[in-house]
């Protein structure tokens, strides 16, 4: 992150942790430092299978599973997957602004409430156009769209095994059965 201001002691601690704990996901959400261990194999399989299906998108995309986002709210998050238009990750700093982000993906794991509430709110506040939540504990995928303030007004939910339609600019259908096989 590049700024002329000195970070608060807690934010400085967050940056130091994120540098030191390279194999863990270190995030700063709602004024709290969150450290998550590397995800399990089922989690990573879902992220990978989704990436394969996203290659069929109507537009060319680049994806990252480790892209730090510096949100306007002061939160620093690392989504499980971040999708941008082709070339949108070139020259991006470690903690990039969310301006070019089209879709973020979270797959629930050890603390599902963080993905369901804290990140949901943070992504909506940042104006991210689409947030895809793969809720493993509840057996469903939810596509949130149309952010307004701290919430999304659009919601398309399907149970695992059903198809989920991603609208333009993606214009593709995700086969959720492929994600959980």
N, C-alpha and C. Protein backbone atom coordinates (compact mmCIF):
# COMPACT_ATOMS: atom_id res chain seq x y z
N UNK A 1 0.84 -1.18 0.00
CA UNK A 1 0.00 0.00 0.00
C UNK A 1 0.88 1.23 0.00
N UNK A 2 0.49 2.19 -0.80
CA UNK A 2 1.26 3.42 -0.87
C UNK A 2 0.41 4.56 -0.32
N UNK A 3 0.95 5.22 0.70
CA UNK A 3 0.23 6.34 1.29
C UNK A 3 1.23 7.27 1.93
N UNK A 4 0.86 8.53 2.08
CA UNK A 4 1.72 9.51 2.73
C UNK A 4 1.52 9.52 4.24
N UNK A 5 0.46 8.88 4.70
CA UNK A 5 0.14 8.87 6.12
C UNK A 5 0.81 7.71 6.83
N UNK A 6 1.15 7.92 8.09
CA UNK A 6 1.68 6.83 8.91
C UNK A 6 0.52 5.93 9.33
N UNK A 7 0.69 4.62 9.20
CA UNK A 7 -0.39 3.73 9.63
C UNK A 7 -0.52 3.72 11.15
N UNK A 8 -1.73 3.43 11.61
CA UNK A 8 -1.95 3.30 13.05
C UNK A 8 -1.12 2.11 13.55
N UNK A 9 -0.88 2.01 14.85
CA UNK A 9 -0.11 0.87 15.35
C UNK A 9 -0.73 -0.48 14.96
N UNK A 10 -2.06 -0.59 15.00
CA UNK A 10 -2.70 -1.85 14.64
C UNK A 10 -2.53 -2.14 13.15
N UNK A 11 -2.65 -1.12 12.32
CA UNK A 11 -2.46 -1.30 10.88
C UNK A 11 -0.99 -1.64 10.58
N UNK A 12 -0.07 -1.02 11.29
CA UNK A 12 1.36 -1.34 11.12
C UNK A 12 1.61 -2.80 11.50
N UNK A 13 0.96 -3.26 12.57
CA UNK A 13 1.08 -4.67 12.98
C UNK A 13 0.52 -5.60 11.90
N UNK A 14 -0.60 -5.19 11.30
CA UNK A 14 -1.18 -5.97 10.22
C UNK A 14 -0.20 -6.11 9.06
N UNK A 15 0.40 -5.01 8.63
CA UNK A 15 1.34 -5.06 7.50
C UNK A 15 2.55 -5.93 7.84
N UNK A 16 3.04 -5.83 9.07
CA UNK A 16 4.18 -6.65 9.48
C UNK A 16 3.81 -8.14 9.46
N UNK A 17 2.62 -8.47 9.95
CA UNK A 17 2.17 -9.86 9.93
C UNK A 17 1.99 -10.37 8.51
N UNK A 18 1.42 -9.55 7.65
CA UNK A 18 1.18 -10.00 6.27
C UNK A 18 2.49 -10.26 5.55
N UNK A 19 3.53 -9.54 5.91
CA UNK A 19 4.85 -9.78 5.32
C UNK A 19 5.49 -11.04 5.88
N UNK A 20 5.32 -11.27 7.18
CA UNK A 20 5.98 -12.39 7.85
C UNK A 20 5.27 -13.72 7.62
N UNK A 21 3.95 -13.71 7.59
CA UNK A 21 3.16 -14.94 7.48
C UNK A 21 2.77 -15.19 6.03
N UNK A 22 3.72 -15.44 5.19
CA UNK A 22 3.48 -15.57 3.75
C UNK A 22 2.56 -16.74 3.40
N UNK A 23 2.52 -17.79 4.21
CA UNK A 23 1.69 -18.95 3.90
C UNK A 23 0.30 -18.88 4.50
N UNK A 24 0.04 -17.85 5.26
CA UNK A 24 -1.28 -17.66 5.85
C UNK A 24 -1.94 -16.45 5.19
N UNK A 25 -3.26 -16.43 5.28
CA UNK A 25 -4.01 -15.30 4.75
C UNK A 25 -4.22 -14.31 5.89
N UNK A 26 -3.60 -13.14 5.76
CA UNK A 26 -3.70 -12.11 6.80
C UNK A 26 -4.54 -10.98 6.23
N UNK A 27 -5.62 -10.63 6.94
CA UNK A 27 -6.53 -9.59 6.48
C UNK A 27 -6.82 -8.62 7.62
N UNK A 28 -7.26 -7.43 7.24
CA UNK A 28 -7.64 -6.39 8.20
C UNK A 28 -9.06 -5.99 7.85
N UNK A 29 -10.03 -6.43 8.67
CA UNK A 29 -11.44 -6.19 8.38
C UNK A 29 -12.11 -5.62 9.62
N UNK A 30 -12.86 -4.55 9.45
CA UNK A 30 -13.57 -3.91 10.57
C UNK A 30 -12.65 -3.61 11.75
N UNK A 31 -11.43 -3.19 11.47
CA UNK A 31 -10.50 -2.83 12.54
C UNK A 31 -9.88 -4.00 13.26
N UNK A 32 -10.05 -5.21 12.73
CA UNK A 32 -9.49 -6.41 13.36
C UNK A 32 -8.56 -7.13 12.40
N UNK A 33 -7.48 -7.67 12.95
CA UNK A 33 -6.57 -8.49 12.17
C UNK A 33 -7.08 -9.92 12.20
N UNK A 34 -7.23 -10.52 11.03
CA UNK A 34 -7.67 -11.90 10.90
C UNK A 34 -6.58 -12.70 10.21
N UNK A 35 -6.20 -13.83 10.82
CA UNK A 35 -5.19 -14.71 10.23
C UNK A 35 -5.85 -16.07 10.03
N UNK A 36 -5.81 -16.55 8.79
CA UNK A 36 -6.38 -17.86 8.47
C UNK A 36 -5.28 -18.74 7.91
N UNK A 37 -5.25 -20.00 8.33
CA UNK A 37 -4.24 -20.91 7.79
C UNK A 37 -4.54 -21.23 6.33
N UNK A 38 -3.60 -21.85 5.64
CA UNK A 38 -3.87 -22.24 4.26
C UNK A 38 -5.13 -23.10 4.18
N UNK A 39 -5.90 -22.97 3.10
CA UNK A 39 -7.16 -23.71 2.98
C UNK A 39 -6.95 -25.20 2.76
N UNK A 40 -8.01 -25.97 3.05
CA UNK A 40 -7.96 -27.41 2.83
C UNK A 40 -8.12 -27.74 1.35
N UNK A 41 -7.90 -29.00 1.02
CA UNK A 41 -7.94 -29.43 -0.37
C UNK A 41 -9.29 -29.27 -1.04
N UNK A 42 -10.39 -29.51 -0.31
CA UNK A 42 -11.72 -29.34 -0.90
C UNK A 42 -11.94 -27.87 -1.28
N UNK A 43 -11.52 -26.98 -0.41
CA UNK A 43 -11.62 -25.54 -0.66
C UNK A 43 -10.88 -25.19 -1.94
N UNK A 44 -9.65 -25.64 -2.07
CA UNK A 44 -8.83 -25.32 -3.24
C UNK A 44 -9.36 -25.97 -4.51
N UNK A 45 -9.96 -27.15 -4.37
CA UNK A 45 -10.56 -27.81 -5.54
C UNK A 45 -11.72 -26.98 -6.08
N UNK A 46 -12.54 -26.45 -5.19
CA UNK A 46 -13.65 -25.59 -5.61
C UNK A 46 -13.13 -24.36 -6.34
N UNK A 47 -12.13 -23.71 -5.77
CA UNK A 47 -11.58 -22.50 -6.40
C UNK A 47 -11.01 -22.84 -7.78
N UNK A 48 -10.31 -23.97 -7.88
CA UNK A 48 -9.72 -24.36 -9.16
C UNK A 48 -10.78 -24.73 -10.19
N UNK A 49 -11.77 -25.51 -9.79
CA UNK A 49 -12.83 -25.91 -10.73
C UNK A 49 -13.63 -24.70 -11.20
N UNK A 50 -13.83 -23.75 -10.32
CA UNK A 50 -14.52 -22.51 -10.70
C UNK A 50 -13.69 -21.75 -11.73
N UNK A 51 -12.37 -21.67 -11.50
CA UNK A 51 -11.48 -20.98 -12.44
C UNK A 51 -11.58 -21.60 -13.83
N UNK A 52 -11.62 -22.92 -13.90
CA UNK A 52 -11.73 -23.61 -15.19
C UNK A 52 -13.03 -23.21 -15.89
N UNK A 53 -14.13 -23.17 -15.16
CA UNK A 53 -15.40 -22.78 -15.76
C UNK A 53 -15.42 -21.31 -16.16
N UNK A 54 -14.76 -20.46 -15.41
CA UNK A 54 -14.74 -19.03 -15.71
C UNK A 54 -13.99 -18.74 -17.02
N UNK A 55 -13.17 -19.68 -17.47
CA UNK A 55 -12.48 -19.49 -18.75
C UNK A 55 -13.46 -19.40 -19.91
N UNK A 56 -14.69 -19.87 -19.72
CA UNK A 56 -15.72 -19.80 -20.76
C UNK A 56 -16.46 -18.46 -20.76
N UNK A 57 -16.04 -17.55 -19.93
CA UNK A 57 -16.69 -16.25 -19.83
C UNK A 57 -16.73 -15.55 -21.19
N UNK A 58 -17.73 -14.71 -21.38
CA UNK A 58 -17.88 -13.96 -22.63
C UNK A 58 -16.75 -12.94 -22.81
N UNK A 59 -16.09 -12.57 -21.72
CA UNK A 59 -14.96 -11.65 -21.82
C UNK A 59 -13.71 -12.35 -21.30
N UNK A 60 -12.56 -11.90 -21.78
CA UNK A 60 -11.29 -12.46 -21.30
C UNK A 60 -11.04 -11.95 -19.89
N UNK A 61 -10.67 -12.88 -19.02
CA UNK A 61 -10.45 -12.56 -17.62
C UNK A 61 -9.05 -12.98 -17.17
N UNK A 62 -8.58 -12.32 -16.14
CA UNK A 62 -7.43 -12.79 -15.37
C UNK A 62 -7.94 -13.05 -13.97
N UNK A 63 -7.35 -14.06 -13.33
CA UNK A 63 -7.77 -14.43 -11.98
C UNK A 63 -6.55 -14.52 -11.08
N UNK A 64 -6.78 -14.25 -9.81
CA UNK A 64 -5.74 -14.42 -8.81
C UNK A 64 -6.37 -15.01 -7.55
N UNK A 65 -5.67 -15.93 -6.94
CA UNK A 65 -6.12 -16.49 -5.68
C UNK A 65 -5.44 -15.85 -4.49
N UNK A 66 -4.56 -14.91 -4.72
CA UNK A 66 -3.80 -14.30 -3.63
C UNK A 66 -3.71 -12.79 -3.74
N UNK A 67 -4.62 -12.16 -4.44
CA UNK A 67 -4.53 -10.72 -4.69
C UNK A 67 -5.06 -9.93 -3.51
N UNK A 68 -4.19 -9.15 -2.93
CA UNK A 68 -4.61 -8.28 -1.85
C UNK A 68 -5.37 -7.09 -2.38
N UNK A 69 -6.50 -6.78 -1.76
CA UNK A 69 -7.31 -5.62 -2.15
C UNK A 69 -7.33 -4.61 -1.00
N UNK A 70 -6.99 -3.39 -1.31
CA UNK A 70 -7.07 -2.29 -0.35
C UNK A 70 -8.37 -1.57 -0.61
N UNK A 71 -9.36 -1.80 0.24
CA UNK A 71 -10.70 -1.26 0.02
C UNK A 71 -10.80 0.18 0.54
N UNK A 72 -11.68 0.98 -0.05
CA UNK A 72 -11.84 2.37 0.39
C UNK A 72 -12.21 2.51 1.86
N UNK A 73 -12.82 1.49 2.44
CA UNK A 73 -13.22 1.52 3.85
C UNK A 73 -12.04 1.43 4.80
N UNK A 74 -10.85 1.11 4.26
CA UNK A 74 -9.68 0.90 5.11
C UNK A 74 -9.45 -0.57 5.39
N UNK A 75 -10.30 -1.43 4.86
CA UNK A 75 -10.12 -2.88 5.01
C UNK A 75 -9.10 -3.36 3.99
N UNK A 76 -8.38 -4.41 4.35
CA UNK A 76 -7.42 -5.06 3.46
C UNK A 76 -7.78 -6.54 3.44
N UNK A 77 -8.23 -7.02 2.28
CA UNK A 77 -8.73 -8.39 2.17
C UNK A 77 -7.99 -9.15 1.07
N UNK A 78 -8.03 -10.48 1.20
CA UNK A 78 -7.45 -11.36 0.18
C UNK A 78 -8.54 -12.37 -0.17
N UNK A 79 -9.33 -12.09 -1.22
CA UNK A 79 -10.38 -13.03 -1.60
C UNK A 79 -9.79 -14.37 -2.05
N UNK A 80 -10.61 -15.40 -1.99
CA UNK A 80 -10.17 -16.71 -2.48
C UNK A 80 -9.90 -16.66 -3.97
N UNK A 81 -10.64 -15.83 -4.69
CA UNK A 81 -10.39 -15.59 -6.11
C UNK A 81 -10.85 -14.18 -6.44
N UNK A 82 -10.07 -13.51 -7.26
CA UNK A 82 -10.38 -12.17 -7.73
C UNK A 82 -10.32 -12.21 -9.25
N UNK A 83 -11.38 -11.76 -9.91
CA UNK A 83 -11.45 -11.75 -11.37
C UNK A 83 -11.49 -10.31 -11.88
N UNK A 84 -10.62 -10.04 -12.85
CA UNK A 84 -10.55 -8.73 -13.50
C UNK A 84 -10.51 -8.96 -15.01
N UNK A 85 -10.80 -7.90 -15.76
CA UNK A 85 -10.66 -8.00 -17.21
C UNK A 85 -9.20 -8.34 -17.54
N UNK A 86 -9.01 -9.01 -18.66
CA UNK A 86 -7.68 -9.41 -19.09
C UNK A 86 -6.72 -8.22 -19.04
N UNK A 87 -5.58 -8.41 -18.40
CA UNK A 87 -4.58 -7.35 -18.26
C UNK A 87 -4.75 -6.51 -17.02
N UNK A 88 -5.84 -6.70 -16.29
CA UNK A 88 -6.15 -5.87 -15.12
C UNK A 88 -5.25 -6.07 -13.92
N UNK A 89 -4.45 -7.14 -13.92
CA UNK A 89 -3.53 -7.37 -12.80
C UNK A 89 -2.12 -6.89 -13.11
N UNK A 90 -1.87 -6.53 -14.36
CA UNK A 90 -0.53 -6.07 -14.73
C UNK A 90 -0.17 -4.80 -13.94
N UNK A 91 1.02 -4.82 -13.39
CA UNK A 91 1.58 -3.68 -12.65
C UNK A 91 0.78 -3.34 -11.39
N UNK A 92 -0.08 -4.23 -10.95
CA UNK A 92 -0.85 -3.98 -9.73
C UNK A 92 0.06 -4.16 -8.51
N UNK A 93 -0.05 -3.28 -7.53
CA UNK A 93 0.73 -3.45 -6.30
C UNK A 93 0.19 -4.62 -5.49
N UNK A 94 0.93 -5.00 -4.46
CA UNK A 94 0.48 -6.11 -3.59
C UNK A 94 -0.93 -5.88 -3.07
N UNK A 95 -1.19 -4.67 -2.63
CA UNK A 95 -2.52 -4.30 -2.14
C UNK A 95 -3.10 -3.31 -3.14
N UNK A 96 -3.83 -3.84 -4.11
CA UNK A 96 -4.35 -2.97 -5.17
C UNK A 96 -5.74 -2.44 -4.82
N UNK A 97 -6.09 -1.27 -5.36
CA UNK A 97 -7.45 -0.78 -5.18
C UNK A 97 -8.41 -1.67 -5.98
N UNK A 98 -9.67 -1.70 -5.60
CA UNK A 98 -10.62 -2.62 -6.24
C UNK A 98 -11.24 -2.10 -7.54
N UNK A 99 -10.73 -1.01 -8.07
CA UNK A 99 -11.35 -0.35 -9.21
C UNK A 99 -11.60 -1.27 -10.40
N UNK A 100 -10.68 -2.16 -10.72
CA UNK A 100 -10.81 -3.03 -11.90
C UNK A 100 -11.40 -4.39 -11.60
N UNK A 101 -11.78 -4.63 -10.35
CA UNK A 101 -12.30 -5.95 -9.96
C UNK A 101 -13.75 -6.10 -10.44
N UNK A 102 -14.01 -7.20 -11.13
CA UNK A 102 -15.37 -7.50 -11.59
C UNK A 102 -16.09 -8.45 -10.64
N UNK A 103 -15.34 -9.41 -10.09
CA UNK A 103 -15.94 -10.47 -9.27
C UNK A 103 -14.94 -10.92 -8.23
N UNK A 104 -15.41 -11.07 -6.99
CA UNK A 104 -14.62 -11.72 -5.95
C UNK A 104 -15.35 -12.98 -5.53
N UNK A 105 -14.59 -13.99 -5.14
CA UNK A 105 -15.14 -15.27 -4.73
C UNK A 105 -14.62 -15.60 -3.34
N UNK A 106 -15.51 -16.06 -2.50
CA UNK A 106 -15.13 -16.59 -1.19
C UNK A 106 -15.75 -17.97 -1.05
N UNK A 107 -14.94 -18.91 -0.56
CA UNK A 107 -15.39 -20.26 -0.26
C UNK A 107 -15.31 -20.40 1.25
N UNK A 108 -16.43 -20.68 1.91
CA UNK A 108 -16.43 -20.72 3.37
C UNK A 108 -15.49 -21.80 3.87
N UNK A 109 -14.88 -21.51 5.01
CA UNK A 109 -13.99 -22.49 5.64
C UNK A 109 -14.12 -22.39 7.15
N UNK A 110 -13.03 -22.17 7.86
CA UNK A 110 -13.03 -22.25 9.32
C UNK A 110 -13.92 -21.21 10.01
N UNK A 111 -14.11 -20.05 9.40
CA UNK A 111 -14.96 -19.00 9.99
C UNK A 111 -15.93 -18.50 8.93
N UNK A 112 -17.01 -19.28 8.66
CA UNK A 112 -17.93 -18.89 7.58
C UNK A 112 -18.60 -17.54 7.81
N UNK A 113 -18.76 -17.11 9.05
CA UNK A 113 -19.43 -15.83 9.30
C UNK A 113 -18.63 -14.67 8.73
N UNK A 114 -17.32 -14.80 8.66
CA UNK A 114 -16.49 -13.73 8.09
C UNK A 114 -16.87 -13.52 6.62
N UNK A 115 -17.06 -14.63 5.88
CA UNK A 115 -17.43 -14.52 4.46
C UNK A 115 -18.88 -14.07 4.29
N UNK A 116 -19.76 -14.54 5.17
CA UNK A 116 -21.19 -14.24 5.05
C UNK A 116 -21.55 -12.83 5.48
N UNK A 117 -20.81 -12.25 6.42
CA UNK A 117 -21.20 -10.93 6.94
C UNK A 117 -20.11 -9.88 6.74
N UNK A 118 -18.94 -10.08 7.33
CA UNK A 118 -17.91 -9.03 7.28
C UNK A 118 -17.43 -8.76 5.86
N UNK A 119 -17.10 -9.81 5.12
CA UNK A 119 -16.62 -9.60 3.75
C UNK A 119 -17.76 -9.16 2.83
N UNK A 120 -18.94 -9.71 3.04
CA UNK A 120 -20.11 -9.28 2.27
C UNK A 120 -20.26 -7.77 2.37
N UNK A 121 -20.23 -7.25 3.59
CA UNK A 121 -20.39 -5.82 3.83
C UNK A 121 -19.24 -5.03 3.22
N UNK A 122 -18.00 -5.51 3.42
CA UNK A 122 -16.82 -4.81 2.90
C UNK A 122 -16.85 -4.73 1.38
N UNK A 123 -17.24 -5.83 0.72
CA UNK A 123 -17.28 -5.85 -0.74
C UNK A 123 -18.39 -4.93 -1.27
N UNK A 124 -19.52 -4.92 -0.60
CA UNK A 124 -20.61 -4.03 -1.02
C UNK A 124 -20.21 -2.57 -0.85
N UNK A 125 -19.61 -2.24 0.30
CA UNK A 125 -19.15 -0.87 0.54
C UNK A 125 -18.14 -0.42 -0.51
N UNK A 126 -17.31 -1.34 -0.97
CA UNK A 126 -16.30 -1.03 -1.99
C UNK A 126 -16.91 -0.90 -3.38
N UNK A 127 -18.19 -1.29 -3.52
CA UNK A 127 -18.85 -1.20 -4.81
C UNK A 127 -18.44 -2.29 -5.78
N UNK A 128 -17.93 -3.41 -5.26
CA UNK A 128 -17.56 -4.51 -6.15
C UNK A 128 -18.83 -5.05 -6.81
N UNK A 129 -18.86 -5.12 -8.14
CA UNK A 129 -20.10 -5.44 -8.84
C UNK A 129 -20.69 -6.81 -8.53
N UNK A 130 -19.81 -7.81 -8.33
CA UNK A 130 -20.30 -9.17 -8.05
C UNK A 130 -19.48 -9.82 -6.96
N UNK A 131 -20.19 -10.50 -6.06
CA UNK A 131 -19.57 -11.28 -4.99
C UNK A 131 -20.20 -12.66 -5.04
N UNK A 132 -19.36 -13.68 -5.30
CA UNK A 132 -19.83 -15.06 -5.35
C UNK A 132 -19.40 -15.77 -4.08
N UNK A 133 -20.37 -16.21 -3.30
CA UNK A 133 -20.12 -16.93 -2.06
C UNK A 133 -20.43 -18.40 -2.26
N UNK A 134 -19.43 -19.24 -2.06
CA UNK A 134 -19.62 -20.68 -2.10
C UNK A 134 -19.72 -21.12 -0.64
N UNK A 135 -20.95 -21.36 -0.20
CA UNK A 135 -21.23 -21.66 1.20
C UNK A 135 -21.24 -23.18 1.40
N UNK A 136 -20.09 -23.72 1.73
CA UNK A 136 -19.96 -25.18 1.88
C UNK A 136 -20.82 -25.74 3.01
N UNK A 137 -20.90 -25.02 4.12
CA UNK A 137 -21.65 -25.52 5.27
C UNK A 137 -23.15 -25.61 4.98
N UNK A 138 -23.67 -24.70 4.15
CA UNK A 138 -25.09 -24.70 3.83
C UNK A 138 -25.40 -25.30 2.47
N UNK A 139 -24.38 -25.77 1.75
CA UNK A 139 -24.58 -26.46 0.48
C UNK A 139 -25.18 -25.61 -0.62
N UNK A 140 -24.69 -24.35 -0.75
CA UNK A 140 -25.26 -23.48 -1.78
C UNK A 140 -24.24 -22.48 -2.27
N UNK A 141 -24.53 -21.93 -3.45
CA UNK A 141 -23.76 -20.83 -4.02
C UNK A 141 -24.69 -19.63 -4.14
N UNK A 142 -24.14 -18.47 -3.80
CA UNK A 142 -24.93 -17.25 -3.86
C UNK A 142 -24.15 -16.20 -4.64
N UNK A 143 -24.77 -15.67 -5.67
CA UNK A 143 -24.19 -14.57 -6.42
C UNK A 143 -24.87 -13.29 -5.98
N UNK A 144 -24.11 -12.39 -5.37
CA UNK A 144 -24.61 -11.08 -4.95
C UNK A 144 -24.22 -10.07 -6.02
N UNK A 145 -25.15 -9.15 -6.32
CA UNK A 145 -24.89 -8.12 -7.33
C UNK A 145 -25.58 -6.82 -6.92
N UNK A 146 -25.30 -5.78 -7.66
CA UNK A 146 -25.92 -4.47 -7.46
C UNK A 146 -25.68 -3.93 -6.05
N UNK A 147 -24.41 -3.59 -5.74
CA UNK A 147 -24.11 -3.07 -4.40
C UNK A 147 -24.72 -1.69 -4.18
N UNK A 148 -25.26 -1.51 -2.99
CA UNK A 148 -25.76 -0.19 -2.53
C UNK A 148 -25.36 -0.03 -1.08
N UNK A 149 -24.54 0.97 -0.84
CA UNK A 149 -23.98 1.22 0.50
C UNK A 149 -23.31 -0.05 1.03
N UNK A 150 -23.82 -0.65 2.09
CA UNK A 150 -23.15 -1.80 2.71
C UNK A 150 -23.88 -3.12 2.46
N UNK A 151 -24.65 -3.18 1.37
CA UNK A 151 -25.39 -4.41 1.05
C UNK A 151 -25.51 -4.56 -0.47
N UNK A 152 -25.85 -5.76 -0.88
CA UNK A 152 -26.15 -6.03 -2.29
C UNK A 152 -27.66 -6.17 -2.43
N UNK A 153 -28.22 -5.57 -3.47
CA UNK A 153 -29.66 -5.67 -3.69
C UNK A 153 -30.03 -6.86 -4.58
N UNK A 154 -29.07 -7.38 -5.34
CA UNK A 154 -29.32 -8.54 -6.18
C UNK A 154 -28.78 -9.80 -5.51
N UNK A 155 -29.54 -10.88 -5.65
CA UNK A 155 -29.13 -12.15 -5.03
C UNK A 155 -29.69 -13.29 -5.86
N UNK A 156 -28.81 -14.19 -6.28
CA UNK A 156 -29.21 -15.39 -7.01
C UNK A 156 -28.57 -16.57 -6.29
N UNK A 157 -29.41 -17.42 -5.71
CA UNK A 157 -28.94 -18.53 -4.87
C UNK A 157 -29.37 -19.86 -5.45
N UNK A 158 -28.42 -20.81 -5.48
CA UNK A 158 -28.74 -22.17 -5.93
C UNK A 158 -28.10 -23.17 -4.98
N UNK A 159 -28.74 -24.33 -4.86
CA UNK A 159 -28.16 -25.43 -4.08
C UNK A 159 -27.06 -26.09 -4.89
N UNK A 160 -26.09 -26.69 -4.20
CA UNK A 160 -25.06 -27.44 -4.89
C UNK A 160 -25.72 -28.49 -5.77
N UNK A 161 -25.19 -28.64 -6.97
CA UNK A 161 -25.75 -29.57 -7.94
C UNK A 161 -26.58 -28.87 -9.00
N UNK A 162 -27.00 -27.65 -8.73
CA UNK A 162 -27.78 -26.85 -9.68
C UNK A 162 -26.85 -25.94 -10.47
N UNK A 163 -27.38 -25.31 -11.51
CA UNK A 163 -26.61 -24.37 -12.31
C UNK A 163 -26.86 -22.95 -11.83
N UNK A 164 -25.80 -22.15 -11.86
CA UNK A 164 -25.87 -20.75 -11.47
C UNK A 164 -25.49 -19.90 -12.67
N UNK A 165 -26.40 -19.01 -13.07
CA UNK A 165 -26.16 -18.14 -14.22
C UNK A 165 -25.45 -16.87 -13.76
N UNK A 166 -24.30 -16.59 -14.39
CA UNK A 166 -23.60 -15.33 -14.18
C UNK A 166 -23.95 -14.42 -15.35
N UNK A 167 -24.51 -13.24 -15.05
CA UNK A 167 -24.95 -12.34 -16.11
C UNK A 167 -23.76 -11.65 -16.80
N UNK A 168 -24.07 -10.77 -17.74
CA UNK A 168 -23.04 -9.96 -18.40
C UNK A 168 -22.27 -9.20 -17.31
N UNK A 169 -21.00 -9.03 -17.46
CA UNK A 169 -20.21 -9.26 -18.66
C UNK A 169 -19.73 -10.69 -18.83
N UNK A 170 -20.04 -11.58 -17.86
CA UNK A 170 -19.55 -12.97 -17.92
C UNK A 170 -20.38 -13.81 -18.88
N UNK A 171 -21.69 -13.71 -18.75
CA UNK A 171 -22.63 -14.43 -19.61
C UNK A 171 -22.29 -15.91 -19.71
N UNK A 172 -22.26 -16.57 -18.57
CA UNK A 172 -21.99 -18.00 -18.56
C UNK A 172 -22.74 -18.66 -17.43
N UNK A 173 -22.86 -19.97 -17.52
CA UNK A 173 -23.54 -20.75 -16.50
C UNK A 173 -22.52 -21.62 -15.79
N UNK A 174 -22.53 -21.55 -14.47
CA UNK A 174 -21.62 -22.35 -13.64
C UNK A 174 -22.35 -23.62 -13.24
N UNK A 175 -21.74 -24.76 -13.52
CA UNK A 175 -22.25 -26.05 -13.10
C UNK A 175 -21.71 -26.34 -11.71
N UNK A 176 -22.52 -26.14 -10.69
CA UNK A 176 -22.03 -26.29 -9.32
C UNK A 176 -21.71 -27.75 -8.98
N UNK A 177 -22.29 -28.70 -9.71
CA UNK A 177 -21.98 -30.12 -9.47
C UNK A 177 -20.50 -30.38 -9.74
N UNK A 178 -19.92 -29.68 -10.73
CA UNK A 178 -18.50 -29.83 -11.04
C UNK A 178 -17.61 -29.33 -9.90
N UNK A 179 -18.12 -28.42 -9.13
CA UNK A 179 -17.30 -27.82 -8.06
C UNK A 179 -17.20 -28.72 -6.85
N UNK A 180 -18.21 -29.55 -6.64
CA UNK A 180 -18.25 -30.33 -5.40
C UNK A 180 -18.11 -31.82 -5.60
N UNK A 181 -17.78 -32.27 -6.84
CA UNK A 181 -17.72 -33.71 -7.11
C UNK A 181 -16.68 -34.44 -6.30
